[in-house]
Protein backbone atom coordinates (compact mmCIF):
# COMPACT_ATOMS: atom_id res chain seq x y z
CA MET A 1 342.14 172.58 -29.76
CA SER A 2 341.79 169.50 -27.26
CA THR A 3 339.44 167.03 -28.40
CA ALA A 4 336.36 165.33 -26.81
CA ILE A 5 336.52 162.48 -28.43
CA THR A 6 338.48 159.39 -28.04
CA PRO A 7 338.44 157.05 -31.00
CA SER A 8 339.22 153.34 -31.13
CA ALA A 9 342.36 153.16 -32.78
CA GLN A 10 341.60 151.74 -36.34
CA SER A 11 343.66 150.53 -39.11
CA PRO A 12 344.85 152.59 -41.48
CA ALA A 13 342.73 152.66 -44.24
CA PHE A 14 345.73 152.95 -46.95
CA PRO A 15 349.45 152.56 -46.18
CA TYR A 16 351.36 155.60 -45.48
CA HIS A 17 353.59 157.36 -48.27
CA SER A 18 354.39 160.34 -45.88
CA PRO A 19 353.16 161.97 -42.90
CA PHE A 20 352.53 164.75 -45.62
CA VAL A 21 349.98 162.38 -47.36
CA SER A 22 348.14 161.68 -44.15
CA TRP A 23 347.84 164.81 -42.91
CA LEU A 24 346.83 166.40 -46.17
CA ALA A 25 343.88 163.90 -45.47
CA VAL A 26 342.87 165.61 -41.98
CA ILE A 27 342.79 168.71 -42.79
CA SER A 28 341.33 168.26 -46.29
CA VAL A 29 338.20 166.74 -43.57
CA MET A 30 338.78 169.64 -41.41
CA LEU A 31 338.01 172.18 -44.08
CA GLY A 32 335.04 170.32 -45.22
CA ILE A 33 334.01 170.73 -41.09
CA PHE A 34 334.80 174.19 -41.98
CA SER A 35 332.86 174.97 -44.71
CA ILE A 36 329.94 173.52 -43.38
CA VAL A 37 330.28 175.35 -39.78
CA THR A 38 330.84 178.35 -41.85
CA THR A 39 327.81 178.03 -44.00
CA GLU A 40 325.65 176.78 -41.80
CA ILE A 41 325.99 179.74 -39.24
CA LEU A 42 326.91 182.41 -42.16
CA PRO A 43 323.37 184.16 -42.11
CA ILE A 44 323.78 184.93 -37.90
CA GLY A 45 325.86 187.82 -39.15
CA LEU A 46 323.72 188.60 -42.10
CA LEU A 47 319.91 188.13 -40.91
CA THR A 48 318.69 191.17 -41.05
CA SER A 49 319.71 192.41 -44.64
CA ILE A 50 319.03 188.88 -45.82
CA GLY A 51 315.64 189.43 -43.95
CA SER A 52 315.21 192.83 -45.91
CA SER A 53 315.85 191.81 -49.16
CA PHE A 54 312.76 189.60 -49.16
CA THR A 55 311.12 191.61 -46.53
CA VAL A 56 310.50 189.19 -44.04
CA SER A 57 310.68 189.76 -39.82
CA ASP A 58 313.68 188.77 -38.51
CA GLY A 59 312.25 185.65 -36.70
CA MET A 60 310.97 184.77 -40.32
CA ALA A 61 314.57 185.14 -41.23
CA GLY A 62 315.58 182.62 -38.55
CA LEU A 63 314.41 180.32 -40.05
CA MET A 64 317.53 180.15 -41.88
CA MET A 65 319.25 178.76 -39.45
CA THR A 66 316.13 176.42 -37.97
CA MET A 67 315.56 174.52 -41.55
CA PRO A 68 319.37 173.34 -41.72
CA GLY A 69 319.23 171.86 -37.61
CA PHE A 70 315.84 170.32 -38.38
CA LEU A 71 317.27 168.62 -41.36
CA ALA A 72 320.49 167.72 -40.15
CA ALA A 73 318.44 165.73 -37.29
CA LEU A 74 316.86 163.30 -39.53
CA SER A 75 319.66 163.09 -41.74
CA ALA A 76 322.53 162.30 -39.20
CA PRO A 77 320.83 158.49 -38.37
CA VAL A 78 318.91 158.24 -42.28
CA VAL A 79 321.95 158.87 -44.39
CA THR A 80 324.63 157.45 -42.06
CA VAL A 81 322.33 154.08 -42.08
CA ALA A 82 321.68 153.56 -44.98
CA THR A 83 324.65 154.85 -46.86
CA GLY A 84 326.76 152.10 -44.03
CA ARG A 85 328.44 150.59 -46.39
CA ILE A 86 329.46 152.53 -49.04
CA ASP A 87 333.04 154.24 -49.30
CA ARG A 88 333.26 156.98 -47.02
CA ARG A 89 335.43 159.34 -49.42
CA VAL A 90 332.55 159.24 -51.84
CA MET A 91 329.80 160.14 -49.51
CA LEU A 92 332.29 162.97 -47.46
CA GLY A 93 332.59 164.01 -51.96
CA LEU A 94 328.99 164.14 -52.28
CA PHE A 95 327.76 165.34 -49.40
CA ILE A 96 330.72 168.81 -49.90
CA LEU A 97 329.39 169.32 -53.48
CA LEU A 98 325.81 169.43 -52.50
CA LEU A 99 327.02 172.00 -50.23
CA ALA A 100 328.33 173.83 -52.51
CA LEU A 101 325.26 173.95 -54.26
CA ALA A 102 323.28 175.05 -51.42
CA ASN A 103 325.35 178.39 -51.25
CA PHE A 104 325.01 179.15 -54.96
CA LEU A 105 321.25 178.29 -54.74
CA ALA A 106 320.87 180.62 -51.89
CA ALA A 107 323.39 183.24 -53.80
CA ALA A 108 320.95 182.84 -56.57
CA ALA A 109 317.44 182.71 -54.58
CA SER A 110 314.67 185.25 -56.50
CA SER A 111 312.47 184.41 -53.22
CA TYR A 112 313.07 183.71 -49.42
CA TRP A 113 311.74 180.56 -50.08
CA LEU A 114 314.38 179.47 -52.33
CA VAL A 115 317.04 180.52 -49.46
CA LEU A 116 315.31 177.77 -47.27
CA ILE A 117 315.61 175.07 -49.92
CA SER A 118 319.06 175.92 -50.28
CA ARG A 119 318.90 175.61 -46.46
CA VAL A 120 317.67 172.13 -46.45
CA MET A 121 320.54 171.30 -48.59
CA VAL A 122 323.00 172.16 -45.77
CA GLY A 123 321.56 170.35 -43.07
CA VAL A 124 321.42 167.00 -45.40
CA THR A 125 325.09 167.45 -45.55
CA ILE A 126 325.46 168.88 -41.99
CA GLY A 127 324.18 165.41 -40.56
CA GLY A 128 326.04 162.84 -43.41
CA PHE A 129 329.08 165.00 -43.15
CA TRP A 130 329.75 165.25 -39.84
CA SER A 131 328.57 162.01 -38.64
CA ILE A 132 330.80 160.03 -40.88
CA GLY A 133 333.89 162.31 -40.46
CA ALA A 134 334.25 163.32 -36.52
CA GLY A 135 335.15 159.80 -36.64
CA LEU A 136 337.58 159.04 -39.68
CA ALA A 137 340.97 160.14 -37.70
CA GLY A 138 342.07 156.55 -37.05
CA GLN A 139 342.13 155.84 -40.64
CA LEU A 140 343.64 158.70 -41.74
CA VAL A 141 346.98 158.65 -39.52
CA PRO A 142 348.96 155.99 -37.51
CA ALA A 143 347.57 154.81 -34.39
CA LYS A 144 349.48 157.37 -32.33
CA SER A 145 348.36 160.32 -33.72
CA VAL A 146 344.74 159.75 -33.75
CA GLY A 147 344.00 162.44 -30.67
CA ARG A 148 346.35 165.22 -32.46
CA ALA A 149 344.63 164.77 -36.19
CA THR A 150 340.87 164.64 -34.17
CA SER A 151 341.62 167.35 -32.74
CA VAL A 152 342.96 168.94 -36.01
CA ILE A 153 339.40 167.97 -37.42
CA PHE A 154 337.47 169.13 -34.51
CA SER A 155 339.06 172.97 -34.29
CA ALA A 156 337.15 173.97 -37.75
CA VAL A 157 334.26 174.84 -35.53
CA PRO A 158 335.80 177.68 -33.20
CA LEU A 159 337.72 177.98 -36.64
CA GLY A 160 334.15 179.01 -38.17
CA SER A 161 333.06 181.26 -35.91
CA VAL A 162 336.24 183.13 -35.87
CA LEU A 163 337.02 183.67 -39.49
CA GLY A 164 334.18 182.31 -41.80
CA VAL A 165 331.31 184.11 -40.06
CA PRO A 166 332.88 187.69 -39.02
CA LEU A 167 334.90 187.46 -43.04
CA GLY A 168 331.18 186.20 -44.48
CA THR A 169 329.59 189.59 -42.79
CA PHE A 170 332.16 191.33 -43.83
CA ILE A 171 332.24 190.58 -47.44
CA GLY A 172 328.00 190.52 -46.71
CA ASP A 173 328.53 194.42 -45.76
CA ILE A 174 330.63 195.76 -48.62
CA ALA A 175 329.45 193.35 -51.91
CA GLY A 176 326.31 192.07 -50.29
CA TRP A 177 324.79 189.40 -48.66
CA ARG A 178 324.34 186.93 -51.71
CA THR A 179 327.96 187.53 -52.69
CA ALA A 180 329.11 186.24 -49.81
CA PHE A 181 327.44 182.77 -50.37
CA LEU A 182 328.16 182.93 -53.69
CA VAL A 183 332.26 183.10 -52.19
CA MET A 184 331.38 180.32 -49.71
CA GLY A 185 330.20 178.67 -52.31
CA GLY A 186 333.74 178.58 -54.20
CA PHE A 187 336.08 177.44 -51.54
CA THR A 188 333.47 174.76 -50.90
CA LEU A 189 334.34 173.28 -54.52
CA ALA A 190 338.29 173.75 -53.61
CA VAL A 191 337.82 172.02 -50.53
CA LEU A 192 336.12 169.30 -52.64
CA VAL A 193 339.01 169.24 -55.12
CA LEU A 194 341.80 168.95 -52.12
CA LEU A 195 339.34 166.16 -50.48
CA LEU A 196 339.20 164.18 -53.25
CA VAL A 197 342.97 164.39 -54.33
CA ALA A 198 344.14 163.45 -50.41
CA VAL A 199 341.23 161.45 -48.92
CA PRO A 200 342.35 157.92 -50.00
CA PRO A 201 339.43 155.34 -50.50
CA LEU A 202 338.00 154.59 -46.95
CA PRO A 203 335.57 151.75 -47.39
CA SER A 204 333.38 151.68 -43.82
CA GLN A 205 334.95 149.71 -41.43
CA GLN A 206 331.97 149.06 -39.14
CA ALA A 207 328.86 150.04 -40.47
CA THR A 208 325.86 151.83 -38.45
CA ARG A 209 323.47 149.58 -37.50
CA PRO A 210 319.94 150.65 -36.19
CA ASP A 211 319.90 149.10 -33.17
CA VAL A 212 323.04 150.25 -32.08
CA LEU A 213 321.67 153.67 -32.11
CA GLY A 214 318.40 152.08 -30.15
CA GLY A 215 321.17 150.56 -27.51
CA MET A 216 322.52 154.13 -26.82
CA LEU A 217 319.28 156.02 -26.63
CA ARG A 218 318.14 153.16 -24.09
CA SER A 219 321.31 154.04 -21.48
CA VAL A 220 321.27 156.52 -18.90
CA ASP A 221 324.32 157.23 -19.53
CA THR A 222 323.29 159.07 -23.24
CA HIS A 223 319.53 160.36 -21.58
CA PHE A 224 321.71 162.58 -19.56
CA ALA A 225 323.82 163.50 -22.05
CA LEU A 226 320.75 164.83 -24.23
CA VAL A 227 318.81 166.41 -21.41
CA MET A 228 322.85 168.14 -20.42
CA THR A 229 322.61 169.01 -24.44
CA PHE A 230 319.47 170.27 -25.19
CA LEU A 231 319.51 173.01 -22.52
CA ILE A 232 322.52 174.05 -23.46
CA VAL A 233 322.24 174.26 -26.75
CA LEU A 234 318.45 175.55 -26.72
CA ALA A 235 319.87 177.89 -24.58
CA HIS A 236 322.74 179.24 -26.61
CA PHE A 237 321.22 179.18 -30.28
CA GLY A 238 317.76 180.88 -28.80
CA THR A 239 320.05 183.95 -28.20
CA TYR A 240 323.07 184.02 -30.47
CA THR A 241 321.24 182.94 -33.81
CA TYR A 242 319.59 186.75 -32.88
CA VAL A 243 322.62 188.84 -31.18
CA THR A 244 322.62 190.64 -34.75
CA PRO A 245 319.28 192.17 -33.87
CA PHE A 246 320.41 193.11 -30.25
CA LEU A 247 323.18 194.66 -31.60
CA GLU A 248 321.95 196.92 -33.78
CA GLN A 249 319.07 197.98 -31.79
CA VAL A 250 320.48 198.04 -27.76
CA THR A 251 323.83 198.81 -28.44
CA HIS A 252 323.36 200.86 -31.72
CA VAL A 253 326.44 199.23 -33.70
CA SER A 254 326.77 200.03 -37.09
CA THR A 255 326.42 197.88 -39.59
CA GLY A 256 330.74 197.95 -40.20
CA LEU A 257 331.53 197.34 -36.22
CA ILE A 258 328.95 193.97 -36.18
CA THR A 259 331.72 192.26 -37.79
CA LEU A 260 334.45 193.64 -35.07
CA TYR A 261 332.29 192.28 -32.52
CA LEU A 262 331.50 188.63 -33.83
CA LEU A 263 335.04 188.15 -34.36
CA VAL A 264 335.96 189.29 -30.93
CA TYR A 265 333.31 186.85 -30.01
CA GLY A 266 334.79 183.76 -32.03
CA ALA A 267 338.32 184.51 -30.67
CA ALA A 268 337.07 184.11 -27.22
CA GLY A 269 335.20 180.37 -28.91
CA ILE A 270 338.93 179.26 -29.55
CA ALA A 271 340.35 180.26 -25.91
CA GLY A 272 337.44 178.38 -24.81
CA ASN A 273 337.69 175.22 -26.45
CA PHE A 274 341.24 174.66 -25.55
CA LEU A 275 339.94 175.59 -21.68
CA GLY A 276 337.01 173.28 -21.80
CA GLY A 277 339.20 170.66 -23.74
CA SER A 278 342.22 170.24 -21.26
CA THR A 279 339.45 169.95 -18.51
CA VAL A 280 336.39 167.92 -19.28
CA GLY A 281 338.45 164.71 -19.23
CA ARG A 282 339.06 165.34 -15.56
CA HIS A 283 335.79 167.76 -14.39
CA PRO A 284 333.09 166.59 -16.99
CA ARG A 285 330.42 167.77 -14.91
CA ALA A 286 331.67 170.84 -13.75
CA THR A 287 333.54 172.04 -16.66
CA PHE A 288 330.20 172.05 -18.75
CA ALA A 289 327.98 173.21 -15.87
CA ALA A 290 330.57 176.28 -15.76
CA ALA A 291 330.07 177.00 -19.01
CA ALA A 292 326.31 177.16 -19.09
CA GLY A 293 326.54 179.69 -15.89
CA LEU A 294 328.75 181.92 -18.02
CA ILE A 295 326.21 181.61 -20.72
CA ALA A 296 323.99 182.12 -18.89
CA GLY A 297 325.63 185.32 -16.98
CA ALA A 298 326.16 186.89 -20.13
CA THR A 299 322.87 186.48 -21.21
CA LEU A 300 321.06 187.62 -18.30
CA LEU A 301 323.35 190.58 -17.88
CA LEU A 302 323.35 191.83 -21.63
CA PRO A 303 319.72 193.81 -21.77
CA VAL A 304 321.38 195.04 -18.88
CA LEU A 305 325.17 196.07 -19.80
CA GLY A 306 324.98 195.52 -23.46
CA GLY A 307 323.97 199.29 -24.24
CA SER A 308 327.23 199.97 -24.23
CA ASP A 309 330.03 199.27 -26.27
CA VAL A 310 331.97 198.25 -23.41
CA GLY A 311 329.69 196.10 -21.89
CA ALA A 312 328.57 194.07 -24.79
CA VAL A 313 331.82 193.34 -26.04
CA ALA A 314 333.08 192.56 -22.56
CA LEU A 315 329.59 190.25 -22.14
CA LEU A 316 330.18 188.92 -26.01
CA ALA A 317 333.95 187.79 -24.91
CA VAL A 318 332.78 185.69 -21.91
CA TRP A 319 329.41 184.41 -24.03
CA GLY A 320 332.70 183.36 -26.42
CA ILE A 321 334.78 181.53 -23.81
CA ALA A 322 331.96 179.98 -22.76
CA TYR A 323 330.20 178.34 -25.48
CA GLY A 324 333.64 177.48 -26.83
CA ALA A 325 333.65 174.60 -24.29
CA VAL A 326 330.30 173.51 -25.42
CA PRO A 327 330.31 171.24 -28.08
CA VAL A 328 333.46 169.30 -26.91
CA CYS A 329 331.65 168.80 -23.63
CA SER A 330 328.91 167.80 -25.17
CA GLN A 331 330.75 165.39 -27.40
CA THR A 332 332.75 164.15 -24.17
CA TRP A 333 329.30 162.50 -22.88
CA PHE A 334 328.07 161.07 -26.24
CA SER A 335 331.28 159.36 -27.00
CA LYS A 336 332.03 157.66 -23.39
CA ALA A 337 328.38 156.43 -23.75
CA ALA A 338 329.58 154.52 -26.48
CA PRO A 339 333.31 154.35 -26.73
CA ASP A 340 333.26 150.91 -29.25
CA SER A 341 331.12 152.97 -31.78
CA PRO A 342 332.70 156.24 -32.57
CA GLU A 343 330.09 156.95 -35.53
CA ALA A 344 327.00 155.79 -33.87
CA SER A 345 328.49 158.46 -30.44
CA SER A 346 328.99 160.80 -33.28
CA VAL A 347 325.38 160.13 -35.25
CA LEU A 348 323.67 160.72 -32.11
CA PHE A 349 325.64 163.99 -30.84
CA THR A 350 324.99 165.70 -34.38
CA ALA A 351 321.37 164.66 -34.45
CA SER A 352 320.71 166.16 -31.17
CA PHE A 353 322.85 169.19 -31.41
CA GLN A 354 321.21 170.06 -34.53
CA ALA A 355 317.69 169.52 -33.55
CA THR A 356 318.01 171.81 -31.31
CA ILE A 357 319.99 174.54 -33.09
CA SER A 358 316.98 174.73 -34.52
CA ILE A 359 314.39 174.58 -31.66
CA GLY A 360 316.43 177.37 -30.29
CA ALA A 361 316.45 179.45 -33.05
CA LEU A 362 312.75 178.76 -33.65
CA VAL A 363 311.78 179.41 -30.17
CA GLY A 364 314.17 182.36 -30.40
CA GLY A 365 312.51 184.02 -33.44
CA ALA A 366 308.88 183.56 -32.45
CA VAL A 367 309.81 186.10 -29.17
CA LEU A 368 311.68 188.11 -31.53
CA ASP A 369 308.11 189.10 -33.39
CA ARG A 370 306.62 189.50 -30.13
CA SER A 371 308.35 191.09 -28.03
CA SER A 372 312.07 192.04 -27.94
CA PRO A 373 316.13 191.61 -28.46
CA SER A 374 316.48 191.88 -25.27
CA THR A 375 313.35 189.73 -23.88
CA VAL A 376 315.40 186.99 -25.77
CA MET A 377 318.31 187.21 -23.99
CA VAL A 378 316.80 187.00 -20.63
CA LEU A 379 314.85 184.03 -21.40
CA GLY A 380 318.03 182.15 -23.07
CA GLY A 381 319.64 182.76 -20.39
CA LEU A 382 316.57 181.10 -18.11
CA ALA A 383 317.71 177.85 -19.73
CA ALA A 384 321.19 177.84 -19.60
CA ALA A 385 320.93 178.56 -15.68
CA LEU A 386 318.13 175.46 -15.59
CA MET A 387 321.13 173.88 -17.19
CA VAL A 388 323.30 174.50 -14.61
CA LEU A 389 321.14 173.07 -11.82
CA VAL A 390 320.54 169.88 -13.80
CA ALA A 391 323.84 169.46 -13.39
CA TRP A 392 324.92 169.88 -10.15
CA ALA A 393 320.96 167.96 -8.96
CA HIS A 394 322.80 164.51 -10.34
CA GLY A 395 325.43 164.49 -7.70
CA ALA A 396 328.80 162.93 -8.86
CA GLY A 397 327.99 159.57 -7.74
CA ARG A 398 325.04 159.65 -9.65
CA PHE A 399 326.82 159.14 -12.91
CA THR A 400 329.58 156.83 -14.09
CA TRP A 401 331.78 156.81 -17.37
CA PRO A 402 331.77 153.53 -18.91
CA LYS A 403 335.01 152.32 -18.37
CA SER A 404 336.05 151.24 -21.74
CA SER A 405 337.26 154.43 -23.56
C-alpha cells in the first residue's frame, strides 16, 4: 500500500536492538488499526441478522454505524489534546482494551441499547487510537524506513474490508452474530498483548494543542480537504452501510453468498488503495475526482444492473477499487495542509472522516426506512457526482500544496 502521509522524520523512541523489534512494533500498531476497522464496519455484513434479533428496522440497525462515527469525531480532538503528555504506548493499550470490552458487551447484549453503548465505546477507541497511531511510524523505525512503516500501518484499512468483515460475516452465518463479536473481542485481546510487548515507551514528542487545530481549521487548504472528504464519505457510507439489504432485496443473493460478494469488494479495495497511493502524490485532484466518479457510476448503476449476480459483482468490484483510493486521497490533503503537525492532521482527518460516516449512515438509514435500497444507492451516487463537480470547479491554480512536507 502506498501511503498518503509523509510523516516528519522523528528521532526513534528507543535504541534499536534489531530490525525485528522495530517492525514487530509497527505490525502491532497495524493490527490494532485492523481490529478497529473490522469492529467498526462488522455490522455491515450482520445488519439484518442483528436487527432481526432485536426486532428493529434496517434503518434503525444502521445506528450501529452512526454511533461510532459521531463519538470518534468528538473524541479525536478531545482525547488527543487531553492526553497529549501521556505516554502514547499507554494510551494505545487503553484504547485497545476498551475495544475488546466493547466487542464482548455487544456479544452479550440483552437489548439493542446495550449494543449501541458498545458502539459508543468503539467510537471513543477510533478517535483516540487513530489520531495517535497514524503518526507513530517515525518513532518506531529509523528515518529511512518511515514511509514503508506508514504503508504497513495503513494497510490495515483495506485488510479490514478484505479479511475482517467477510470473515466476521461468515462466522455470523454459521454461529450467529454474537459469536462474531465474541471472536473479535478475543482477537483484540491478543493484539493488546502483542502491542504491550512489542511497542516501547513512547513519550509524547509534541503535544497537540487546541491552537494548532484551530490554525488548521482556518486554512483554505483544510477547508478544501473537509469539503472533498465530506461529500465522498457521505456518498460511500450512506450507501455501503446498506449494501446487505440491497443484495438481499434487489439482487436476491442468499445469506451465505453475501460474504463472497463482500470479499470481492474488499479485494478490489486493496487494488484501489495501491492505485490511489501511487498517483495521488502527482495528481491529487484528479485521483480524488476519479475515485468519486467511479463510486458515482457504480451506485447509480446498481439499481439498473444490480438485479443480476454478474452486474452486482462487477459494480461492487468497481466500487471497491474506487473507495480503496479514498482514504489515501483524503489523508494526503490533510497531511499536506499541516506537514509539520502530523498528529494534528491525523486528528482532523479522523474527526471529519468519522463524523461523515455517521451522517452518511444516518441519512441512508432514514431514506431506506422511507423508500428502498435502490433509492439509497441513487442518492449516494448523486452525492459522489457532486464531489466530482466540486473537484473540477476548483481549477488546478486555485489550490497549491504547502511547500514543506
